[in-house]
Amino acid sequence: MRGVAAIEARLRDAFAPESLTVTDESAAHAGHAGAQTGGGHYAVTIVSHRFEGRAPLARHRLVYDALGEMMGRDIHALRIEALTPDEL
């Protein structure tokens, strides 16, 4: 499993989100250096109670940790919007 499905699976396992959207934005970056190595450009919007009480940087680190080795291998760039249910 690769791409959007793999990202979704890892984030669902790690965060049990109330809402999760993963978008592959790679086509908009064709010709970019990262695209040449096979790493995709993705956008994630995730809503989870796990982000409560955490600053934005800490939330992003949790997402990066959940994606593990996919970062830098399958994912070249990741735009993250990590929210709590109360922030909707």
Protein backbone atom coordinates (compact mmCIF):
# COMPACT_ATOMS: atom_id res chain seq x y z
CA MET A 1 0.00 0.00 0.00
CA ARG A 2 1.37 3.41 -0.99
CA GLY A 3 0.34 6.99 -1.39
CA VAL A 4 -2.91 8.32 0.00
CA ALA A 5 -4.15 4.92 1.21
CA ALA A 6 -0.94 4.25 3.17
CA ILE A 7 -0.96 7.71 4.74
CA GLU A 8 -4.63 7.37 5.70
CA ALA A 9 -4.06 3.93 7.24
CA ARG A 10 -1.18 5.10 9.41
CA LEU A 11 -2.95 8.24 10.58
CA ARG A 12 -6.18 6.36 11.37
CA ASP A 13 -4.21 3.83 13.42
CA ALA A 14 -2.29 6.50 15.32
CA PHE A 15 -5.02 9.06 15.96
CA ALA A 16 -8.47 7.47 15.58
CA PRO A 17 -9.48 10.78 13.98
CA GLU A 18 -12.97 12.19 13.89
CA SER A 19 -12.14 13.47 10.43
CA LEU A 20 -9.28 12.82 8.01
CA THR A 21 -8.63 14.08 4.50
CA VAL A 22 -5.48 13.25 2.57
CA THR A 23 -4.94 14.86 -0.83
CA ASP A 24 -2.23 13.98 -3.33
CA GLU A 25 -0.93 17.30 -4.68
CA SER A 26 1.98 15.76 -6.59
CA ALA A 27 0.67 16.68 -10.04
CA ALA A 28 0.92 20.37 -9.14
CA HIS A 29 4.63 19.87 -8.45
CA ALA A 30 5.65 17.96 -11.59
CA GLY A 31 9.21 18.79 -12.51
CA HIS A 32 10.07 19.73 -8.93
CA ALA A 33 13.27 18.14 -7.60
CA GLY A 34 11.38 16.08 -5.01
CA ALA A 35 9.07 14.68 -7.65
CA GLN A 36 12.07 13.26 -9.52
CA THR A 37 12.97 11.00 -6.59
CA GLY A 38 9.47 9.57 -6.41
CA GLY A 39 8.39 11.30 -3.23
CA GLY A 40 4.93 12.78 -3.42
CA HIS A 41 3.45 16.07 -2.23
CA TYR A 42 0.47 15.60 0.08
CA ALA A 43 -1.91 17.68 2.17
CA VAL A 44 -3.45 16.33 5.38
CA THR A 45 -6.32 17.72 7.39
CA ILE A 46 -6.86 15.68 10.53
CA VAL A 47 -9.16 16.23 13.50
CA SER A 48 -8.37 14.26 16.65
CA HIS A 49 -8.64 14.53 20.42
CA ARG A 50 -4.95 13.51 20.55
CA PHE A 51 -4.01 17.08 19.61
CA GLU A 52 -5.72 18.65 22.63
CA GLY A 53 -3.32 20.70 24.77
CA ARG A 54 -0.55 20.51 22.17
CA ALA A 55 1.02 23.39 20.27
CA PRO A 56 0.97 23.27 16.44
CA LEU A 57 4.61 22.15 16.22
CA ALA A 58 3.98 19.27 18.63
CA ARG A 59 0.95 18.22 16.58
CA HIS A 60 3.04 18.16 13.41
CA ARG A 61 5.70 16.08 15.13
CA LEU A 62 3.06 13.53 16.13
CA VAL A 63 1.93 13.29 12.50
CA TYR A 64 5.53 12.90 11.28
CA ASP A 65 6.16 10.21 13.90
CA ALA A 66 3.04 8.31 12.82
CA LEU A 67 4.20 8.35 9.19
CA GLY A 68 7.69 7.17 10.15
CA GLU A 69 9.91 6.08 7.30
CA MET A 70 7.37 7.25 4.71
CA MET A 71 8.69 10.77 5.34
CA GLY A 72 11.55 11.35 2.95
CA ARG A 73 10.92 8.11 1.08
CA ASP A 74 7.31 8.15 -0.14
CA ILE A 75 6.54 11.69 1.00
CA HIS A 76 8.66 14.61 -0.18
CA ALA A 77 6.39 17.38 1.13
CA LEU A 78 3.50 17.33 3.57
CA ARG A 79 1.14 20.19 4.37
CA ILE A 80 -0.56 19.53 7.71
CA GLU A 81 -3.64 21.00 9.32
CA ALA A 82 -3.99 19.23 12.67
CA LEU A 83 -7.02 20.29 14.73
CA THR A 84 -8.96 19.28 17.80
CA PRO A 85 -12.72 18.74 17.50
CA ASP A 86 -13.27 22.02 19.40
CA GLU A 87 -11.32 23.96 16.76
CA LEU A 88 -13.71 23.18 13.93
